[in-house]
Protein backbone atom coordinates (compact mmCIF):
# COMPACT_ATOMS: atom_id res chain seq x y z
CA MET A 1 66.71 82.37 73.21
CA ILE A 2 67.73 78.99 74.61
CA PRO A 3 66.12 78.38 78.04
CA LEU A 4 68.52 77.86 80.92
CA ASN A 5 67.03 74.48 81.78
CA SER A 6 67.73 73.06 78.30
CA VAL A 7 70.58 70.66 77.58
CA ILE A 8 73.08 71.72 74.93
CA PRO A 9 74.60 68.88 72.86
CA ALA A 10 78.09 67.97 74.05
CA HIS A 11 79.84 68.77 70.75
CA ILE A 12 78.27 72.25 70.62
CA GLU A 13 79.19 72.90 74.24
CA GLU A 14 82.80 71.83 73.68
CA ARG A 15 83.19 73.87 70.49
CA THR A 16 81.61 76.99 72.01
CA ILE A 17 83.79 76.80 75.12
CA ARG A 18 86.91 76.38 72.96
CA ILE A 19 86.06 79.42 70.80
CA SER A 20 85.13 81.43 73.89
CA ARG A 21 88.46 80.61 75.52
CA GLN A 22 90.37 81.75 72.42
CA VAL A 23 88.42 85.02 72.29
CA LEU A 24 89.06 85.60 76.01
CA ILE A 25 92.80 85.06 75.60
CA LEU A 26 92.88 87.63 72.80
CA ALA A 27 90.74 90.05 74.83
CA ALA A 28 92.99 89.60 77.86
CA LEU A 29 96.09 90.42 75.81
CA VAL A 30 94.40 93.53 74.39
CA ALA A 31 93.29 94.56 77.89
CA LEU A 32 96.79 94.07 79.27
CA ILE A 33 98.30 96.22 76.51
CA SER A 34 95.63 98.86 77.10
CA LEU A 35 96.36 99.00 80.84
CA LEU A 36 100.11 99.25 80.22
CA LEU A 37 99.62 102.09 77.75
CA ASP A 38 97.17 103.87 80.04
CA TYR A 39 99.29 103.77 83.19
CA GLY A 40 102.79 103.58 81.73
CA PHE A 41 102.85 106.14 78.93
CA TYR A 42 102.06 109.82 78.46
CA LEU A 43 99.13 109.80 76.01
CA SER A 44 97.29 112.33 73.90
CA PRO A 45 93.56 112.92 74.60
CA VAL A 46 92.62 111.03 71.42
CA THR A 47 94.72 107.99 72.36
CA ARG A 48 93.32 108.01 75.90
CA LEU A 49 89.77 108.13 74.55
CA THR A 50 90.57 105.20 72.25
CA LEU A 51 91.90 103.16 75.18
CA GLU A 52 88.79 103.94 77.20
CA PHE A 53 86.67 102.61 74.33
CA ILE A 54 88.85 99.46 74.21
CA ASP A 55 88.40 98.97 77.97
CA VAL A 56 84.62 99.17 77.57
CA LEU A 57 84.73 96.74 74.63
CA VAL A 58 86.85 94.24 76.58
CA GLY A 59 84.50 94.54 79.55
CA MET A 60 81.56 93.74 77.26
CA ILE A 61 83.42 90.71 75.88
CA PHE A 62 84.01 89.37 79.40
CA LEU A 63 80.33 89.94 80.26
CA THR A 64 79.22 88.20 77.07
CA ASP A 65 81.41 85.22 77.95
CA LEU A 66 79.73 84.92 81.35
CA LEU A 67 76.34 84.81 79.64
CA VAL A 68 77.54 82.32 77.01
CA GLN A 69 78.93 80.00 79.70
CA LEU A 70 75.61 80.18 81.52
CA ILE A 71 73.76 79.16 78.37
CA VAL A 72 75.94 76.43 76.83
CA ARG A 73 77.26 74.57 79.86
CA ARG A 74 75.25 71.56 80.94
CA GLN A 75 76.54 71.92 84.52
CA ARG A 76 75.94 75.66 84.47
CA TRP A 77 75.20 76.16 88.18
CA HIS A 78 78.32 74.25 89.16
CA TYR A 79 80.25 76.59 86.86
CA VAL A 80 78.66 79.62 88.53
CA ARG A 81 79.60 78.34 91.99
CA THR A 82 83.23 77.71 91.02
CA ASN A 83 83.47 81.09 89.27
CA LEU A 84 81.41 83.11 91.72
CA VAL A 85 83.89 85.98 91.95
CA LYS A 86 83.76 86.50 88.17
CA TYR A 87 79.97 86.74 88.28
CA VAL A 88 80.10 89.15 91.23
CA LEU A 89 82.50 91.36 89.26
CA GLY A 90 80.19 91.07 86.27
CA ALA A 91 77.22 92.15 88.38
CA LEU A 92 79.15 95.22 89.54
CA LEU A 93 79.87 96.05 85.92
CA VAL A 94 76.20 95.74 84.95
CA ILE A 95 75.21 97.96 87.88
CA GLN A 96 77.72 100.53 86.65
CA PHE A 97 76.21 100.40 83.15
CA VAL A 98 72.77 101.05 84.65
CA MET A 99 74.09 103.96 86.73
CA ILE A 100 75.65 105.58 83.67
CA ASP A 101 72.44 105.12 81.70
CA LEU A 102 70.17 106.54 84.42
CA LEU A 103 72.34 109.32 85.76
CA LEU A 104 74.34 110.45 82.76
CA TYR A 105 72.35 109.95 79.59
CA LYS A 106 68.81 109.84 81.00
CA PRO A 107 68.77 111.89 84.21
CA ILE A 108 65.52 110.44 85.56
CA PHE A 109 66.66 111.32 89.07
CA PRO A 110 67.89 114.95 88.89
CA GLU A 111 69.05 114.95 92.52
CA LEU A 112 71.35 111.99 91.93
CA TYR A 113 72.49 113.52 88.66
CA LEU A 114 73.57 116.69 90.48
CA LEU A 115 75.25 114.67 93.24
CA PHE A 116 77.21 112.47 90.83
CA LYS A 117 78.67 114.80 88.23
CA PRO A 118 79.12 113.31 84.73
CA VAL A 119 82.92 113.53 84.94
CA TYR A 120 82.93 111.67 88.27
CA LEU A 121 80.58 109.01 86.92
CA THR A 122 82.73 108.49 83.87
CA LYS A 123 85.88 108.11 85.98
CA LEU A 124 84.10 105.71 88.33
CA TYR A 125 82.83 103.79 85.33
CA LEU A 126 86.33 103.42 83.88
CA VAL A 127 87.74 102.41 87.28
CA VAL A 128 85.11 99.66 87.59
CA ILE A 129 85.86 98.52 84.04
CA GLN A 130 89.60 98.34 84.73
CA PHE A 131 89.01 96.65 88.08
CA TYR A 132 86.89 94.06 86.30
CA ILE A 133 89.56 93.54 83.65
CA VAL A 134 92.33 93.15 86.26
CA GLY A 135 90.16 90.69 88.19
CA ASN A 136 89.71 88.57 85.09
CA LEU A 137 93.44 88.76 84.31
CA ILE A 138 94.25 87.54 87.83
CA PHE A 139 91.69 84.76 87.43
CA GLY A 140 93.28 83.76 84.13
CA PHE A 141 96.75 83.79 85.71
CA ILE A 142 95.49 81.46 88.45
CA LYS A 143 94.16 79.04 85.83
CA LEU A 144 97.50 79.21 83.99
CA ASN A 145 99.33 78.56 87.25
CA GLN A 146 97.18 75.49 87.87
CA ARG A 147 98.04 74.11 84.43
CA ILE A 148 101.75 74.72 85.00
CA THR A 149 101.71 72.81 88.29
CA GLN A 150 100.22 69.79 86.50
CA ILE A 151 103.25 69.29 84.23
CA GLY A 152 105.35 67.89 87.06
CA VAL A 153 107.62 70.79 87.98
CA SER A 154 109.43 70.52 91.30
CA PRO A 155 109.14 73.21 94.00
CA ALA A 156 112.71 74.27 93.20
CA GLN A 157 111.95 74.62 89.48
CA PHE A 158 108.73 76.52 90.20
CA MET A 159 110.57 78.93 92.49
CA LEU A 160 113.32 79.43 89.92
CA THR A 161 110.99 80.14 86.99
CA GLY A 162 108.59 82.17 89.15
CA PHE A 163 111.23 84.59 90.41
CA GLY A 164 112.86 84.76 86.99
CA GLY A 165 109.57 85.59 85.28
CA LEU A 166 108.70 88.21 87.90
CA ILE A 167 112.09 89.88 87.42
CA LEU A 168 111.54 90.13 83.65
CA ILE A 169 108.04 91.58 84.15
CA GLY A 170 109.40 94.05 86.70
CA THR A 171 112.16 95.10 84.32
CA GLY A 172 109.62 95.84 81.61
CA LEU A 173 107.41 97.84 83.98
CA LEU A 174 110.35 99.92 85.23
CA MET A 175 111.23 100.78 81.63
CA LEU A 176 107.83 102.46 81.14
CA PRO A 177 108.10 106.25 80.63
CA LYS A 178 105.82 107.03 83.59
CA ALA A 179 107.96 104.90 85.94
CA THR A 180 111.02 107.14 85.83
CA THR A 181 111.69 110.85 86.09
CA GLY A 182 114.04 110.63 83.11
CA SER A 183 115.39 107.72 81.11
CA ILE A 184 116.84 104.54 82.56
CA ARG A 185 119.20 102.00 81.00
CA LEU A 186 117.96 98.45 80.52
CA ILE A 187 120.73 97.05 82.72
CA ASP A 188 119.77 99.45 85.53
CA ALA A 189 116.08 98.53 85.28
CA PHE A 190 117.02 94.83 85.28
CA PHE A 191 119.30 95.33 88.30
CA THR A 192 116.62 97.26 90.22
CA ALA A 193 113.89 94.71 89.44
CA THR A 194 116.13 91.85 90.55
CA SER A 195 117.05 93.69 93.73
CA ALA A 196 113.36 94.30 94.51
CA VAL A 197 112.14 90.77 93.73
CA CYS A 198 115.06 89.26 95.66
CA VAL A 199 114.33 91.71 98.53
CA THR A 200 117.95 92.85 98.52
CA GLY A 201 117.99 96.64 98.34
CA LEU A 202 121.15 97.26 96.33
CA ILE A 203 120.56 100.14 93.90
CA VAL A 204 122.38 101.58 90.91
CA VAL A 205 120.09 104.61 90.64
CA ASP A 206 118.57 106.65 93.46
CA THR A 207 115.10 105.27 94.22
CA ALA A 208 114.01 108.64 95.61
CA THR A 209 114.91 110.73 92.57
CA ALA A 210 115.19 108.37 89.58
CA PHE A 211 111.70 106.88 89.90
CA THR A 212 108.29 108.53 89.94
CA ARG A 213 105.64 107.59 92.50
CA PHE A 214 104.34 105.08 89.95
CA GLY A 215 107.82 103.58 89.57
CA GLN A 216 108.28 103.39 93.33
CA LEU A 217 104.94 101.58 93.64
CA ILE A 218 106.11 99.07 91.02
CA ILE A 219 109.23 98.46 93.13
CA LEU A 220 107.06 98.12 96.25
CA GLY A 221 104.83 95.58 94.50
CA LEU A 222 107.86 93.56 93.42
CA ILE A 223 109.14 93.64 97.01
CA GLN A 224 105.82 92.40 98.39
CA ILE A 225 105.41 89.61 95.85
CA GLY A 226 109.08 88.64 96.07
CA GLY A 227 108.94 88.61 99.86
CA LEU A 228 105.85 86.41 100.11
CA GLY A 229 106.69 84.26 97.09
CA ILE A 230 104.88 83.56 93.81
CA MET A 231 103.30 80.30 94.98
CA THR A 232 101.99 81.85 98.19
CA ILE A 233 100.43 84.80 96.34
CA THR A 234 98.77 82.70 93.63
CA SER A 235 97.46 80.17 96.16
CA PHE A 236 96.00 82.99 98.23
CA PHE A 237 94.17 84.44 95.21
CA THR A 238 93.02 80.94 94.28
CA LEU A 239 91.24 80.65 97.63
CA ILE A 240 89.96 84.26 97.40
CA PHE A 241 88.38 83.48 94.01
CA GLY A 242 86.59 80.51 95.54
CA LEU A 243 88.64 77.91 93.69
CA ARG A 244 90.17 74.74 95.06
CA LEU A 245 93.87 73.97 95.09
CA SER A 246 94.71 70.89 93.06
CA GLY A 247 96.56 68.03 94.68
CA ARG A 248 99.76 68.97 92.86
CA GLU A 249 99.40 72.61 93.95
CA ARG A 250 98.94 71.56 97.56
CA VAL A 251 102.10 69.44 97.48
CA LEU A 252 104.08 72.27 95.86
CA LEU A 253 102.78 74.81 98.37
CA ARG A 254 103.54 72.48 101.28
CA ASP A 255 107.17 72.28 100.20
CA VAL A 256 107.43 76.02 99.51
CA ILE A 257 106.08 77.19 102.90
CA SER A 258 107.50 74.19 104.81
CA VAL A 259 104.27 72.77 106.24
CA GLU A 260 104.54 69.37 107.91
CA ASN A 261 101.24 67.99 106.58
CA LEU A 262 98.63 68.98 104.02
CA SER A 263 95.88 69.43 106.62
CA MET A 264 97.71 72.51 107.98
CA LEU A 265 98.10 74.08 104.54
CA GLY A 266 95.05 76.36 104.58
CA SER A 267 95.62 77.64 108.10
CA MET A 268 99.33 78.26 107.43
CA LEU A 269 98.56 80.14 104.21
CA ARG A 270 95.99 82.33 105.96
CA MET A 271 98.42 82.90 108.82
CA ILE A 272 101.18 84.03 106.42
CA ILE A 273 98.96 86.47 104.52
CA LEU A 274 97.11 87.87 107.55
CA THR A 275 100.27 88.15 109.66
CA THR A 276 102.12 89.91 106.85
CA PHE A 277 99.45 92.53 106.26
CA ALA A 278 98.70 92.98 109.97
CA ILE A 279 102.35 93.62 110.82
CA GLU A 280 102.85 95.89 107.81
CA LEU A 281 99.68 97.82 108.69
CA ALA A 282 100.83 98.24 112.30
CA GLY A 283 104.26 99.35 111.09
CA THR A 284 102.66 101.86 108.73
CA PHE A 285 100.55 103.26 111.58
CA PHE A 286 103.47 103.81 113.96
CA LEU A 287 105.82 105.14 111.28
CA TYR A 288 103.12 107.54 110.11
CA TRP A 289 102.92 109.18 113.53
CA SER A 290 106.71 109.39 113.56
CA TRP A 291 106.89 111.21 110.21
CA VAL A 292 103.67 113.23 110.10
CA ALA A 293 105.29 115.97 112.18
CA VAL A 294 107.86 116.69 109.46
CA LEU A 295 106.00 115.61 106.29
CA PRO A 296 102.57 116.41 104.80
CA PRO A 297 99.97 113.82 105.92
CA THR A 298 99.60 112.09 102.54
CA GLU A 299 103.37 112.01 102.01
CA ALA A 300 103.91 110.73 105.56
CA LEU A 301 101.37 107.94 104.96
CA TYR A 302 103.03 106.92 101.70
CA VAL A 303 106.55 106.99 103.17
CA ALA A 304 105.38 105.04 106.23
CA MET A 305 103.71 102.36 104.09
CA PHE A 306 106.73 102.04 101.79
CA HIS A 307 109.22 101.65 104.64
CA ALA A 308 106.97 99.31 106.64
CA ILE A 309 106.67 96.89 103.72
CA SER A 310 110.33 97.27 102.79
CA ALA A 311 111.43 96.65 106.39
CA PHE A 312 109.19 93.62 107.06
CA CYS A 313 110.20 92.06 103.74
CA ASN A 314 113.83 92.84 104.64
CA ALA A 315 114.27 94.67 101.34
CA GLY A 316 116.06 97.84 102.42
CA PHE A 317 114.63 100.10 99.71
CA SER A 318 113.97 103.65 100.87
CA THR A 319 112.27 106.73 99.45
CA PHE A 320 115.03 108.86 100.99
CA SER A 321 118.30 109.35 99.12
CA ASP A 322 120.33 108.81 102.31
CA SER A 323 118.30 105.77 103.43
CA LEU A 324 117.49 106.44 107.12
CA MET A 325 120.61 108.44 108.01
CA SER A 326 118.50 111.51 108.82
CA THR A 327 116.72 109.51 111.56
CA VAL A 328 119.86 108.21 113.29
CA SER A 329 118.77 109.71 116.63
CA HIS A 330 115.01 109.24 116.17
CA VAL A 331 114.09 106.49 118.64
CA PRO A 332 110.52 105.73 117.38
CA VAL A 333 111.61 105.30 113.74
CA ASN A 334 114.64 103.21 114.70
CA GLY A 335 112.58 101.08 117.08
CA VAL A 336 109.70 100.39 114.68
CA VAL A 337 111.97 99.62 111.72
CA CYS A 338 114.13 97.31 113.86
CA LEU A 339 111.05 95.42 115.10
CA LEU A 340 109.76 95.03 111.55
CA ILE A 341 113.14 93.76 110.34
CA ILE A 342 113.51 91.30 113.22
CA THR A 343 109.95 90.01 112.85
CA GLY A 344 110.35 89.51 109.11
CA GLY A 345 113.70 87.81 109.64
CA LEU A 346 112.36 85.26 112.15
CA GLY A 347 110.30 83.41 109.54
CA PHE A 348 106.63 82.43 109.53
CA GLY A 349 107.34 78.99 110.99
CA THR A 350 108.95 80.59 114.05
CA LEU A 351 106.14 83.16 114.38
CA ARG A 352 103.51 80.41 114.15
CA ASN A 353 105.23 78.31 116.81
CA LEU A 354 105.54 81.32 119.12
CA GLY A 355 101.86 82.08 118.57
CA GLU A 356 100.91 78.49 119.43
CA VAL A 357 102.87 78.67 122.69
CA PHE A 358 101.98 82.14 123.94
CA PHE A 359 98.51 82.62 122.45
CA ARG A 360 97.17 79.08 122.61
CA SER A 361 93.58 78.19 123.34
CA PRO A 362 92.81 75.76 126.21
CA SER A 363 93.53 72.22 125.10
CA TYR A 364 94.65 68.87 126.42
CA THR A 365 98.15 69.26 125.04
CA THR A 366 100.47 72.19 125.70
CA PRO A 367 102.42 73.29 122.60
CA GLN A 368 106.18 73.40 123.03
CA LEU A 369 108.83 75.51 121.37
CA LYS A 370 110.36 73.49 118.56
CA VAL A 371 114.10 72.95 118.31
CA GLN A 372 114.24 75.18 115.23
CA THR A 373 112.39 77.99 117.04
CA ARG A 374 114.73 77.80 120.03
CA LEU A 375 117.78 77.73 117.78
CA VAL A 376 116.54 80.71 115.73
CA LEU A 377 115.81 82.80 118.84
CA LEU A 378 119.10 81.88 120.56
CA ILE A 379 121.43 82.50 117.62
CA SER A 380 119.55 85.65 116.57
CA ALA A 381 119.83 87.12 120.08
CA ILE A 382 123.55 86.29 120.30
CA LEU A 383 124.26 87.85 116.90
CA LEU A 384 122.19 90.96 117.64
CA VAL A 385 123.85 91.69 121.00
CA SER A 386 127.40 90.79 119.95
CA GLY A 387 127.03 92.68 116.66
CA ALA A 388 125.83 95.84 118.43
CA CYS A 389 128.66 95.70 121.00
CA LEU A 390 131.34 95.15 118.36
CA PHE A 391 129.99 97.87 116.08
CA PHE A 392 129.91 100.29 119.02
CA ALA A 393 133.53 99.48 119.89
CA LEU A 394 134.90 99.48 116.34
CA GLU A 395 133.14 102.64 115.12
CA TYR A 396 133.28 104.69 118.34
CA HIS A 397 135.90 107.06 116.91
CA TYR A 398 134.84 106.73 113.25
CA SER A 399 131.26 106.84 111.92
CA LEU A 400 129.84 107.29 115.45
CA ALA A 401 132.29 110.01 116.49
CA ASN A 402 129.87 112.94 116.15
CA LEU A 403 127.00 111.26 118.01
CA SER A 404 126.17 111.34 121.72
CA THR A 405 126.54 108.17 123.79
CA GLY A 406 122.82 107.43 123.56
CA GLU A 407 122.81 107.99 119.82
CA LYS A 408 125.89 105.75 119.47
CA ILE A 409 124.01 102.92 121.22
CA ILE A 410 120.89 103.40 119.07
CA ALA A 411 122.95 103.47 115.87
CA SER A 412 124.95 100.39 116.90
CA VAL A 413 121.81 98.35 117.64
CA PHE A 414 120.20 99.44 114.37
CA GLN A 415 123.27 98.53 112.31
CA SER A 416 123.52 95.15 114.06
CA VAL A 417 119.90 94.41 113.12
CA THR A 418 120.14 95.63 109.54
CA PHE A 419 123.54 93.99 108.89
CA ARG A 420 122.02 90.51 108.91
CA THR A 421 119.31 91.04 106.36
CA ALA A 422 117.62 94.40 105.83
CA GLY A 423 119.85 96.90 104.02
CA PHE A 424 118.78 100.12 105.72
CA ASN A 425 121.51 102.25 107.28
CA THR A 426 121.60 105.22 109.65
CA VAL A 427 125.36 105.85 109.32
CA ASP A 428 127.50 106.36 106.23
CA PHE A 429 128.88 102.96 105.22
CA ALA A 430 131.37 104.58 102.86
CA HIS A 431 133.37 105.65 105.93
CA LEU A 432 133.27 102.42 107.95
CA HIS A 433 136.55 100.97 109.24
CA ASP A 434 137.79 97.85 107.43
CA SER A 435 137.37 95.78 110.59
CA THR A 436 133.70 96.82 110.72
CA LEU A 437 133.27 95.77 107.10
CA VAL A 438 134.62 92.32 108.02
CA LEU A 439 132.16 92.17 110.95
CA GLY A 440 129.37 93.14 108.57
CA MET A 441 130.35 90.45 106.09
CA MET A 442 130.19 87.78 108.81
CA LEU A 443 126.73 88.90 109.92
CA MET A 444 125.44 89.20 106.33
CA PHE A 445 126.82 85.77 105.48
CA ILE A 446 124.87 84.19 108.36
CA GLY A 447 121.63 86.05 107.62
CA GLY A 448 118.24 85.32 109.19
CA ALA A 449 115.94 82.36 109.79
CA PRO A 450 114.65 79.73 107.35
CA GLY A 451 111.22 80.44 105.87
CA SER A 452 111.75 84.18 106.15
CA THR A 453 112.57 86.90 103.64
CA ALA A 454 116.13 87.03 105.01
CA GLY A 455 119.05 85.65 103.06
CA GLY A 456 122.40 84.16 104.04
CA ILE A 457 123.18 80.62 105.06
CA LYS A 458 120.57 81.07 107.86
CA VAL A 459 121.05 81.11 111.63
CA THR A 460 120.01 77.45 111.90
CA THR A 461 122.88 76.43 109.62
CA ILE A 462 125.49 78.15 111.76
CA GLY A 463 123.75 76.81 114.87
CA ILE A 464 123.96 73.23 113.60
CA LEU A 465 127.65 73.64 112.75
CA ILE A 466 128.43 75.05 116.22
CA ALA A 467 126.44 72.25 117.87
CA THR A 468 128.38 69.71 115.79
CA VAL A 469 131.71 71.15 116.97
CA ILE A 470 130.54 71.01 120.59
CA SER A 471 129.28 67.43 120.23
CA ALA A 472 132.53 66.34 118.57
CA SER A 473 134.63 67.96 121.31
CA GLN A 474 132.60 66.03 123.89
CA GLY A 475 133.26 62.76 122.09
CA LYS A 476 129.63 62.21 121.05
CA THR A 477 128.79 60.30 117.90
CA ARG A 478 125.32 61.83 117.60
CA LEU A 479 124.27 65.44 117.13
CA GLU A 480 122.05 66.44 120.05
CA LEU A 481 120.36 69.80 120.55
CA PHE A 482 117.88 70.84 123.27
CA ARG A 483 117.44 67.19 124.28
CA ARG A 484 116.65 66.15 120.74
CA THR A 485 118.70 64.09 118.29
CA ILE A 486 119.26 65.91 115.00
CA PRO A 487 119.33 63.63 111.90
CA SER A 488 122.69 63.39 110.14
CA THR A 489 121.01 64.54 106.91
CA VAL A 490 120.52 67.99 108.49
CA LEU A 491 124.27 68.34 109.03
CA TYR A 492 124.85 67.15 105.47
CA GLN A 493 122.50 69.84 104.13
CA ALA A 494 124.18 72.49 106.31
CA LEU A 495 127.59 71.59 104.91
CA VAL A 496 126.25 71.71 101.34
CA VAL A 497 124.67 75.15 101.88
CA ILE A 498 127.72 76.75 103.50
CA THR A 499 130.05 75.26 100.86
CA MET A 500 127.91 76.60 98.01
CA TYR A 501 127.65 80.07 99.56
CA LEU A 502 131.42 80.21 100.11
CA ALA A 503 132.00 79.11 96.52
CA ILE A 504 129.72 81.88 95.22
CA VAL A 505 131.33 84.56 97.39
CA MET A 506 134.87 83.55 96.43
CA SER A 507 134.10 83.20 92.70
CA VAL A 508 132.16 86.45 92.32
CA SER A 509 134.63 88.42 94.44
CA PHE A 510 137.51 87.15 92.33
CA LEU A 511 135.77 88.06 89.06
CA LEU A 512 134.94 91.54 90.36
CA THR A 513 138.57 92.18 91.29
CA VAL A 514 139.47 91.35 87.69
CA THR A 515 136.88 93.67 86.08
CA GLU A 516 136.63 96.49 88.65
CA HIS A 517 140.26 97.64 89.02
CA HIS A 518 139.33 101.05 90.45
CA ILE A 519 137.56 99.65 93.55
CA ARG A 520 139.21 98.24 96.69
CA PRO A 521 138.94 94.41 97.00
CA ILE A 522 137.39 94.56 100.48
CA GLN A 523 134.61 96.79 99.12
CA LEU A 524 133.99 94.37 96.26
CA MET A 525 133.81 91.43 98.66
CA PHE A 526 131.45 93.39 100.94
CA GLU A 527 129.22 94.06 97.91
CA THR A 528 129.28 90.38 96.96
CA VAL A 529 128.36 89.13 100.43
CA SER A 530 125.63 91.76 100.62
CA ALA A 531 124.20 90.52 97.31
CA VAL A 532 124.33 86.79 98.06
CA GLY A 533 122.92 87.45 101.53
CA THR A 534 120.15 89.61 99.96
CA VAL A 535 121.03 92.35 102.45
CA GLY A 536 121.48 95.42 100.27
CA LEU A 537 124.14 97.29 102.23
CA SER A 538 126.89 98.93 100.20
CA THR A 539 129.93 101.12 100.66
CA GLY A 540 128.63 103.24 97.78
CA ILE A 541 130.25 101.40 94.87
CA THR A 542 127.19 99.78 93.24
CA ALA A 543 126.60 102.56 90.71
CA GLN A 544 130.33 102.58 89.83
CA LEU A 545 130.31 98.95 88.66
CA SER A 546 130.77 98.16 84.99
CA THR A 547 127.97 96.49 83.04
CA PHE A 548 129.63 93.10 83.59
CA GLY A 549 129.99 93.86 87.29
CA LYS A 550 126.31 94.78 87.56
CA LEU A 551 125.33 91.56 85.80
CA LEU A 552 127.51 89.58 88.21
CA ILE A 553 125.88 91.20 91.24
CA THR A 554 122.43 90.71 89.67
CA LEU A 555 123.11 86.99 89.26
CA THR A 556 124.46 86.84 92.80
CA MET A 557 121.30 88.45 94.21
CA PHE A 558 119.17 85.92 92.33
CA LEU A 559 121.25 83.00 93.61
CA GLY A 560 121.03 84.39 97.12
CA ARG A 561 117.23 84.66 96.97
CA VAL A 562 116.42 81.27 95.49
CA GLY A 563 119.34 79.67 97.33
CA PRO A 564 122.18 77.81 95.65
CA PHE A 565 120.88 74.55 97.15
CA THR A 566 117.47 75.19 95.54
CA LEU A 567 119.18 75.99 92.24
CA ALA A 568 121.10 72.72 92.38
CA LEU A 569 117.86 70.82 93.01
CA ALA A 570 116.10 72.63 90.16
CA ILE A 571 118.70 71.86 87.49
CA GLY A 572 119.90 68.57 88.90
CA GLN A 573 118.51 65.08 88.72
CA LYS A 574 115.63 63.81 90.81
CA HIS A 575 116.28 62.21 94.17
CA VAL A 576 117.72 58.75 93.75
CA ILE A 577 117.68 56.01 96.39
CA GLU A 578 120.88 53.98 96.09
CA THR A 579 120.37 50.22 96.06
CA TYR A 580 124.04 49.55 96.63
CA GLN A 581 126.86 50.49 99.03
CA TYR A 582 130.62 50.52 98.44
CA PRO A 583 133.10 49.31 101.07
CA SER A 584 133.92 51.92 103.73
CA GLU A 585 137.33 53.58 103.97
CA GLY A 586 138.43 56.38 106.27
CA VAL A 587 139.97 59.72 105.21
CA GLN A 588 142.05 61.94 107.49
CA ILE A 589 140.49 65.33 108.31
CA GLY A 590 142.45 68.28 109.76
């Protein structure tokens, strides 16, 4: 055996590493297929036993690679430090091998053998093997992500390809036999995966009855990843695995999560992940105690977790066929879900700024609320209150007719909150008055805050436009807000965003009226605005759409999630600084 302190010739090291990488890629593909077959298909005992053998074989290949790397690399200890998580996982696997050998095949310790039954040991062994395989697959995905970022893709292109790839993966997973209670059409799986990744909530099949628990967990995973974003998730796992973000990755991540400078990147990333899971955990806790009285404990925990994640990510998916209509008068459920929706719709930048102001440590400088934070809070509060009052007035004798006054108020507030982004409902939207549908379209079109999981043109966009109108009426030549001057480029971007969203809504609505003759135009427009605003509310027509109509809504959801402005940047040319200027000439407006 070659001693660890020896130096391997460079050409042997390079050739061995290249062969090892090729073997690992093949092993990873085999492992991925094995996991998909194991969890996604109904298998015979012989097939399952074969897959278990394959899992063990793949685990041994990964372990052998760790040993080979330790032998052939000249900077072996540096490699161990940068791949520490892989070696920790490998150590766990070796420990598991030893446990199986001692307790199962050679029961040297009879007491332990009786405590850990052979069947339990075997299951634990396979779980550790699969955990190890998944860990290595994640590690490989991180390495692939790092290579992709080095080819010069822009943040817009990365977001576009990331969401698109995740949708295709989700579609494939939802087509697995174990994901559905029956069979599902490809278009319906594609629609559902897009709706989950884009945190929309529009459905063409009933989530509660069409999907198994496994299928619902796939949807929940797509919601979580889609809500946080591909770049955020991969960067988080990069840090967890003890790796460093490359310079290109740091620049991409800075643009994706809207951090002002690179020095704040790590703290902002940790804040996003920790805040997300802390809020979702708190939401799960409170919803559990709301549902445990009417559901079995394990079912209540699952339902609470699903709705907490769905609400915070503003997805609107529910494990109940009637969404939350059965809880229309349940104050705790309505209150917790509303708080989760509002918090998720404020955006991480707003939450961070609020945390700096209200939970700051003693320092020489006192953090102030930023203009964006003030604008988000102001416009959000105005929309919430006005939306609730108008819904109460418009639906008093319609969908709210059979409720008490207190229940009418609760339902009105909930609908005002969910209209702007979430997609849950506690009243039947199929029976809403047309004027209420118009109100809903206005709220859905505006949406939530930038940097959040909410869609729409964003509350800051409408705030900037209103501030521009006020400034123009006062004869000002500059846009001023909260004693700050807003750059003219911000107004330019706001006009571009609202124009693109209007163009999408008008175009898709027109095409739907051509293909869906049996549905009222106002319902089709409501569906379109709901899709582009990634809201997920519907008057019940989604499942009635033709295949072309479903594809149109699917595309609209995707555009709404990535943003038409982002799409334009992704497929357009790079930013160009003009070195010339034409003569000025005025044009009459209005």
